[in-house]
Protein backbone atom coordinates (compact mmCIF):
# COMPACT_ATOMS: atom_id res chain seq x y z
CA UNK A 1 1.09 -45.13 -37.59
CA UNK A 2 -0.62 -47.48 -35.19
CA UNK A 3 1.07 -49.91 -32.85
CA UNK A 4 -0.23 -53.25 -31.72
CA UNK A 5 -0.12 -54.07 -28.04
CA UNK A 6 3.06 -56.12 -28.54
CA UNK A 7 4.95 -53.50 -30.53
CA UNK A 8 7.30 -50.91 -29.14
CA UNK A 9 8.13 -47.79 -31.12
CA UNK A 10 11.32 -47.96 -33.12
CA UNK A 11 14.14 -45.60 -32.11
CA UNK A 12 13.42 -42.04 -33.14
CA UNK A 13 9.64 -42.50 -33.17
CA UNK A 14 9.05 -42.46 -29.43
CA UNK A 15 7.19 -39.45 -28.09
CA UNK A 16 8.95 -37.42 -25.45
CA UNK A 17 7.41 -35.45 -22.65
CA UNK A 18 8.63 -33.75 -19.52
CA UNK A 19 6.98 -32.65 -16.35
CA UNK A 20 5.82 -29.02 -16.54
CA UNK A 21 4.03 -28.60 -13.21
CA UNK A 22 2.25 -30.36 -10.38
CA UNK A 23 -1.23 -29.00 -9.66
CA UNK A 24 -2.11 -28.83 -5.97
CA UNK A 25 -5.64 -27.99 -4.85
CA UNK A 26 -5.93 -26.37 -1.44
CA UNK A 27 -8.61 -24.87 0.77
CA UNK A 28 -6.17 -22.21 2.08
CA UNK A 29 -4.08 -20.73 -0.73
CA UNK A 30 -2.02 -18.36 1.44
CA UNK A 31 -1.09 -21.10 3.95
CA UNK A 32 -0.24 -23.53 1.16
CA UNK A 33 1.87 -21.08 -0.88
CA UNK A 34 3.73 -20.02 2.29
CA UNK A 35 4.48 -23.64 3.19
CA UNK A 36 5.56 -24.65 -0.33
CA UNK A 37 7.93 -21.68 -0.57
CA UNK A 38 9.36 -22.38 2.90
CA UNK A 39 9.62 -26.17 2.58
CA UNK A 40 10.86 -26.40 -1.01
CA UNK A 41 12.80 -23.13 -0.83
CA UNK A 42 10.93 -21.63 -3.73
CA UNK A 43 9.33 -18.41 -4.79
CA UNK A 44 5.81 -17.45 -5.80
CA UNK A 45 6.38 -16.62 -9.49
CA UNK A 46 2.92 -15.35 -10.48
CA UNK A 47 -0.76 -15.48 -9.53
CA UNK A 48 -4.06 -15.48 -11.42
CA UNK A 49 -7.64 -14.75 -10.46
CA UNK A 50 -9.17 -14.77 -13.96
CA UNK A 51 -9.28 -17.94 -16.04
CA UNK A 52 -10.07 -19.17 -19.53
CA UNK A 53 -13.31 -21.00 -20.29
CA UNK A 54 -11.30 -24.22 -20.61
CA UNK A 55 -9.77 -23.80 -17.14
CA UNK A 56 -13.17 -23.00 -15.60
CA UNK A 57 -14.66 -26.09 -17.30
CA UNK A 58 -11.81 -28.36 -16.09
CA UNK A 59 -11.62 -26.84 -12.57
CA UNK A 60 -15.13 -25.67 -11.64
CA UNK A 61 -15.13 -22.95 -9.00
CA UNK A 62 -11.43 -22.07 -9.37
CA UNK A 63 -10.84 -18.67 -7.79
CA UNK A 64 -7.07 -18.19 -7.45
CA UNK A 65 -3.88 -19.87 -8.65
CA UNK A 66 -0.26 -19.19 -7.72
CA UNK A 67 2.77 -20.78 -9.33
CA UNK A 68 5.52 -21.70 -6.85
CA UNK A 69 8.86 -22.47 -8.51
CA UNK A 70 11.24 -24.63 -6.47
CA UNK A 71 13.66 -27.55 -6.78
CA UNK A 72 13.39 -27.51 -10.56
CA UNK A 73 9.62 -27.97 -10.35
CA UNK A 74 6.60 -25.75 -10.84
CA UNK A 75 3.75 -26.21 -8.36
CA UNK A 76 0.43 -24.71 -9.48
CA UNK A 77 -1.34 -24.16 -6.18
CA UNK A 78 -5.01 -23.27 -6.56
CA UNK A 79 -8.20 -22.87 -4.58
CA UNK A 80 -11.87 -23.15 -5.49
CA UNK A 81 -14.97 -21.36 -4.23
CA UNK A 82 -16.81 -22.67 -1.18
CA UNK A 83 -19.66 -23.68 -3.50
CA UNK A 84 -17.45 -26.32 -5.18
CA UNK A 85 -18.18 -29.84 -3.93
CA UNK A 86 -15.06 -31.92 -3.52
CA UNK A 87 -15.03 -35.52 -4.77
CA UNK A 88 -15.76 -38.37 -2.38
CA UNK A 89 -12.58 -39.49 -0.52
CA UNK A 90 -12.71 -42.85 -2.34
CA UNK A 91 -12.42 -41.16 -5.74
CA UNK A 92 -9.24 -42.29 -7.49
CA UNK A 93 -6.53 -39.65 -7.37
CA UNK A 94 -2.74 -39.67 -7.43
CA UNK A 95 -1.56 -41.65 -4.44
CA UNK A 96 1.69 -39.71 -3.94
CA UNK A 97 4.41 -37.76 -5.72
CA UNK A 98 8.03 -38.86 -5.38
CA UNK A 99 10.85 -36.32 -5.22
CA UNK A 100 14.51 -37.36 -5.43
CA UNK A 101 17.38 -36.29 -3.21
CA UNK A 102 20.92 -36.26 -4.57
CA UNK A 103 22.44 -37.84 -1.45
CA UNK A 104 21.35 -39.71 1.66
CA UNK A 105 22.37 -36.65 3.71
CA UNK A 106 20.14 -34.41 1.58
CA UNK A 107 17.29 -36.85 2.18
CA UNK A 108 17.78 -36.44 5.96
CA UNK A 109 17.84 -32.66 5.52
CA UNK A 110 14.45 -32.72 3.71
CA UNK A 111 12.97 -34.70 6.59
CA UNK A 112 14.52 -32.34 9.17
CA UNK A 113 13.21 -29.28 7.29
CA UNK A 114 9.66 -30.65 7.40
CA UNK A 115 9.96 -31.20 11.16
CA UNK A 116 11.30 -27.67 11.76
CA UNK A 117 8.52 -26.07 9.72
CA UNK A 118 5.86 -28.14 11.51
CA UNK A 119 7.31 -27.26 14.92
CA UNK A 120 7.33 -23.54 14.00
CA UNK A 121 3.53 -23.43 14.30
CA UNK A 122 3.30 -21.09 11.28
CA UNK A 123 1.29 -23.54 9.15
CA UNK A 124 -2.00 -25.36 9.48
CA UNK A 125 -1.82 -29.04 8.49
CA UNK A 126 -4.84 -31.07 7.37
CA UNK A 127 -3.01 -34.23 8.51
CA UNK A 128 -0.62 -33.27 11.32
CA UNK A 129 1.29 -36.54 11.10
CA UNK A 130 5.08 -36.62 11.37
CA UNK A 131 7.24 -37.89 8.52
CA UNK A 132 7.90 -41.61 8.47
CA UNK A 133 11.32 -42.80 9.47
CA UNK A 134 13.85 -43.07 6.66
CA UNK A 135 13.95 -46.67 5.51
CA UNK A 136 16.67 -48.30 3.42
CA UNK A 137 15.80 -51.26 1.20
CA UNK A 138 18.05 -54.14 0.21
CA UNK A 139 19.38 -52.19 -2.82
CA UNK A 140 20.45 -49.27 -0.63
CA UNK A 141 17.56 -47.05 -1.78
CA UNK A 142 16.42 -44.85 1.09
CA UNK A 143 13.10 -43.03 1.39
CA UNK A 144 10.53 -41.47 3.68
CA UNK A 145 6.94 -40.23 3.33
CA UNK A 146 5.45 -36.95 4.49
CA UNK A 147 2.25 -34.94 4.05
CA UNK A 148 2.02 -31.34 2.86
CA UNK A 149 -0.33 -28.83 4.53
CA UNK A 150 -3.25 -30.17 2.44
CA UNK A 151 -2.73 -33.82 3.37
CA UNK A 152 -1.14 -34.68 0.00
CA UNK A 153 1.51 -37.37 0.33
CA UNK A 154 5.08 -36.97 -0.90
CA UNK A 155 7.77 -39.60 -0.99
CA UNK A 156 11.38 -38.42 -0.86
CA UNK A 157 13.95 -40.93 -2.04
CA UNK A 158 17.67 -41.27 -2.60
CA UNK A 159 18.72 -43.88 -5.16
CA UNK A 160 22.46 -44.56 -5.04
CA UNK A 161 24.23 -44.98 -8.38
CA UNK A 162 24.62 -48.73 -7.90
CA UNK A 163 20.82 -49.10 -7.61
CA UNK A 164 19.92 -46.97 -10.67
CA UNK A 165 17.98 -48.83 -13.33
CA UNK A 166 16.77 -51.55 -11.02
């Protein structure tokens, strides 16, 4: 079955997919895994140091991978050998990942947790910038942005029920 640009699939024919994991490349696996488990309140579920040919083709130089399971999400944190050349900073990549908070208070607690972990001095941050302030838009949606230890940007947001589906 092929669809033209103007067509939408009829009910029951739409494909469904769910998020399995977020892959996070890091230069310091131990620091990153420690931060992800502390910040997201997760656990390191398993680690690998041998990989299939497909994985080595897709991620040249991969040396270690650890799965951190937290907040209903799997984070596949991995590192590559020093011989691997990273892409130019202008290479298109994901701009940020957005995580939801159930309440506005939980949103504030995420921001506070980041600040406590940063102040602890236990982690090395590629971009030691503080979280943004929490902003609330005209629909009552509140959010803030923060960087992980690698400099990857996360948005945390709370969308009140009256703003759902906007």
